C-alpha atoms as a PDB file:
ATOM      1  CA  MET A   1      -8.724  27.388 -16.838  1.00  0.00           C
ATOM      2  CA  PRO A   2     -11.977  27.732 -18.974  1.00  0.00           C
ATOM      3  CA  ARG A   3     -15.214  26.979 -17.111  1.00  0.00           C
ATOM      4  CA  ARG A   4     -16.354  23.760 -18.771  1.00  0.00           C
ATOM      5  CA  ARG A   5     -13.094  21.858 -18.020  1.00  0.00           C
ATOM      6  CA  TRP A   6     -13.912  22.685 -14.504  1.00  0.00           C
ATOM      7  CA  ALA A   7     -17.142  21.114 -15.219  1.00  0.00           C
ATOM      8  CA  CYS A   8     -15.548  18.212 -16.520  1.00  0.00           C
ATOM      9  CA  ILE A   9     -13.331  17.523 -13.563  1.00  0.00           C
ATOM     10  CA  LEU A  10     -15.814  18.190 -10.992  1.00  0.00           C
ATOM     11  CA  ALA A  11     -18.182  15.846 -12.592  1.00  0.00           C
ATOM     12  CA  ALA A  12     -15.231  13.059 -13.097  1.00  0.00           C
ATOM     13  CA  THR A  13     -14.482  13.508  -8.892  1.00  0.00           C
ATOM     14  CA  ALA A  14     -18.405  13.507  -8.357  1.00  0.00           C
ATOM     15  CA  ALA A  15     -18.482  10.161 -10.296  1.00  0.00           C
ATOM     16  CA  GLY A  16     -15.474   8.676  -9.084  1.00  0.00           C
ATOM     17  CA  VAL A  17     -16.992   9.434  -5.067  1.00  0.00           C
ATOM     18  CA  LEU A  18     -20.125   7.699  -6.256  1.00  0.00           C
ATOM     19  CA  ILE A  19     -18.211   4.383  -7.941  1.00  0.00           C
ATOM     20  CA  ALA A  20     -15.888   4.276  -4.251  1.00  0.00           C
ATOM     21  CA  ALA A  21     -18.965   4.499  -2.020  1.00  0.00           C
ATOM     22  CA  ALA A  22     -21.080   2.119  -4.192  1.00  0.00           C
ATOM     23  CA  ALA A  23     -17.823  -0.355  -4.200  1.00  0.00           C
ATOM     24  CA  LEU A  24     -17.497   0.176   0.103  1.00  0.00           C
ATOM     25  CA  ALA A  25     -21.321  -0.356   0.022  1.00  0.00           C
ATOM     26  CA  GLN A  26     -20.968  -4.131  -1.814  1.00  0.00           C
ATOM     27  CA  PHE A  27     -18.720  -5.228   1.246  1.00  0.00           C
ATOM     28  CA  GLY A  28     -20.660  -3.800   3.826  1.00  0.00           C
ATOM     29  CA  GLY A  29     -19.263  -0.394   4.598  1.00  0.00           C
ATOM     30  CA  ARG A  30     -16.630   0.165   7.290  1.00  0.00           C
ATOM     31  CA  GLY A  31     -18.126  -2.551   9.027  1.00  0.00           C
ATOM     32  CA  PRO A  32     -15.514  -5.371   8.144  1.00  0.00           C
ATOM     33  CA  PHE A  33     -12.585  -3.198   8.839  1.00  0.00           C
ATOM     34  CA  LEU A  34     -13.435  -1.998  11.916  1.00  0.00           C
ATOM     35  CA  ALA A  35     -14.190  -5.377  13.139  1.00  0.00           C
ATOM     36  CA  ALA A  36     -10.930  -6.759  11.740  1.00  0.00           C
ATOM     37  CA  ALA A  37      -8.954  -3.716  13.493  1.00  0.00           C
ATOM     38  CA  PRO A  38      -8.389  -5.998  17.100  1.00  0.00           C
ATOM     39  CA  PHE A  39      -6.418  -8.432  15.200  1.00  0.00           C
ATOM     40  CA  ALA A  40      -4.703  -6.080  12.441  1.00  0.00           C
ATOM     41  CA  HIS A  41      -0.945  -4.870  12.728  1.00  0.00           C
ATOM     42  CA  GLY A  42       1.095  -2.523  10.855  1.00  0.00           C
ATOM     43  CA  TRP A  43       4.310  -4.142   9.482  1.00  0.00           C
ATOM     44  CA  GLY A  44       5.883  -1.135   8.850  1.00  0.00           C
ATOM     45  CA  PHE A  45       5.459   2.281   9.755  1.00  0.00           C
ATOM     46  CA  GLY A  46       5.904   1.312  13.618  1.00  0.00           C
ATOM     47  CA  ASN A  47       8.436  -1.094  13.332  1.00  0.00           C
ATOM     48  CA  PRO A  48      11.747   1.091  14.446  1.00  0.00           C
ATOM     49  CA  ASN A  49      13.474  -0.900  11.251  1.00  0.00           C
ATOM     50  CA  PHE A  50      11.194  -0.037   8.788  1.00  0.00           C
ATOM     51  CA  ALA A  51      13.771   2.685   7.642  1.00  0.00           C
ATOM     52  CA  ASN A  52      16.296   0.161   7.046  1.00  0.00           C
ATOM     53  CA  ALA A  53      14.119  -2.511   5.711  1.00  0.00           C
ATOM     54  CA  TYR A  54      12.985   0.242   3.365  1.00  0.00           C
ATOM     55  CA  THR A  55      16.604   0.463   1.767  1.00  0.00           C
ATOM     56  CA  VAL A  56      16.823  -3.411   1.830  1.00  0.00           C
ATOM     57  CA  MET A  57      13.607  -3.758  -0.118  1.00  0.00           C
ATOM     58  CA  GLY A  58      14.622  -1.480  -3.141  1.00  0.00           C
ATOM     59  CA  ASN A  59      18.062  -2.569  -3.187  1.00  0.00           C
ATOM     60  CA  ASP A  60      16.905  -6.189  -2.981  1.00  0.00           C
ATOM     61  CA  LEU A  61      14.344  -5.409  -5.784  1.00  0.00           C
ATOM     62  CA  ASN A  62      16.589  -3.899  -7.943  1.00  0.00           C
ATOM     63  CA  ALA A  63      18.810  -7.034  -7.615  1.00  0.00           C
ATOM     64  CA  VAL A  64      16.204  -9.047  -8.346  1.00  0.00           C
ATOM     65  CA  ILE A  65      15.106  -7.334 -11.940  1.00  0.00           C
ATOM     66  CA  ALA A  66      18.393  -7.124 -12.453  1.00  0.00           C
ATOM     67  CA  GLY A  67      18.514 -11.441 -12.048  1.00  0.00           C
ATOM     68  CA  SER A  68      21.855 -11.466  -9.345  1.00  0.00           C
ATOM     69  CA  LYS A  69      19.293 -12.615  -6.253  1.00  0.00           C
ATOM     70  CA  SER A  70      16.211 -14.569  -5.975  1.00  0.00           C
ATOM     71  CA  THR A  71      12.470 -13.740  -4.455  1.00  0.00           C
ATOM     72  CA  GLN A  72      13.383 -15.686  -1.772  1.00  0.00           C
ATOM     73  CA  SER A  73      16.983 -14.744  -1.038  1.00  0.00           C
ATOM     74  CA  MET A  74      15.113 -11.206  -0.967  1.00  0.00           C
ATOM     75  CA  LEU A  75      12.070 -11.999   1.277  1.00  0.00           C
ATOM     76  CA  SER A  76      14.507 -13.426   3.624  1.00  0.00           C
ATOM     77  CA  ASP A  77      16.831 -10.389   3.537  1.00  0.00           C
ATOM     78  CA  VAL A  78      14.054  -7.712   4.377  1.00  0.00           C
ATOM     79  CA  SER A  79      12.489 -10.477   7.135  1.00  0.00           C
ATOM     80  CA  LYS A  80      15.777  -9.968   9.062  1.00  0.00           C
ATOM     81  CA  ALA A  81      16.192  -6.090   8.038  1.00  0.00           C
ATOM     82  CA  LEU A  82      12.764  -5.757   9.977  1.00  0.00           C
ATOM     83  CA  LYS A  83      13.885  -7.695  13.037  1.00  0.00           C
ATOM     84  CA  GLY A  84      17.363  -5.679  13.113  1.00  0.00           C
ATOM     85  CA  GLN A  85      19.200  -8.310  12.168  1.00  0.00           C
END
């Protein structure tokens, strides 16, 4: 890869890092996220039913897109799947 292209990639990466850092600083850094951590809970990967629910999500989303299922019905199915029902 030409040296000039690498320079462009590095400059874009550095600019992206600076923009992300500025955006994070705007909200007080990581403080708000760390303060909320005791109240947070994972809805997905820690759930033993997540793999099955993920399949239900995909299938039901396709059905919603095709018009053969309502969004409310999809959400109900996913909720049941996450509970192992």
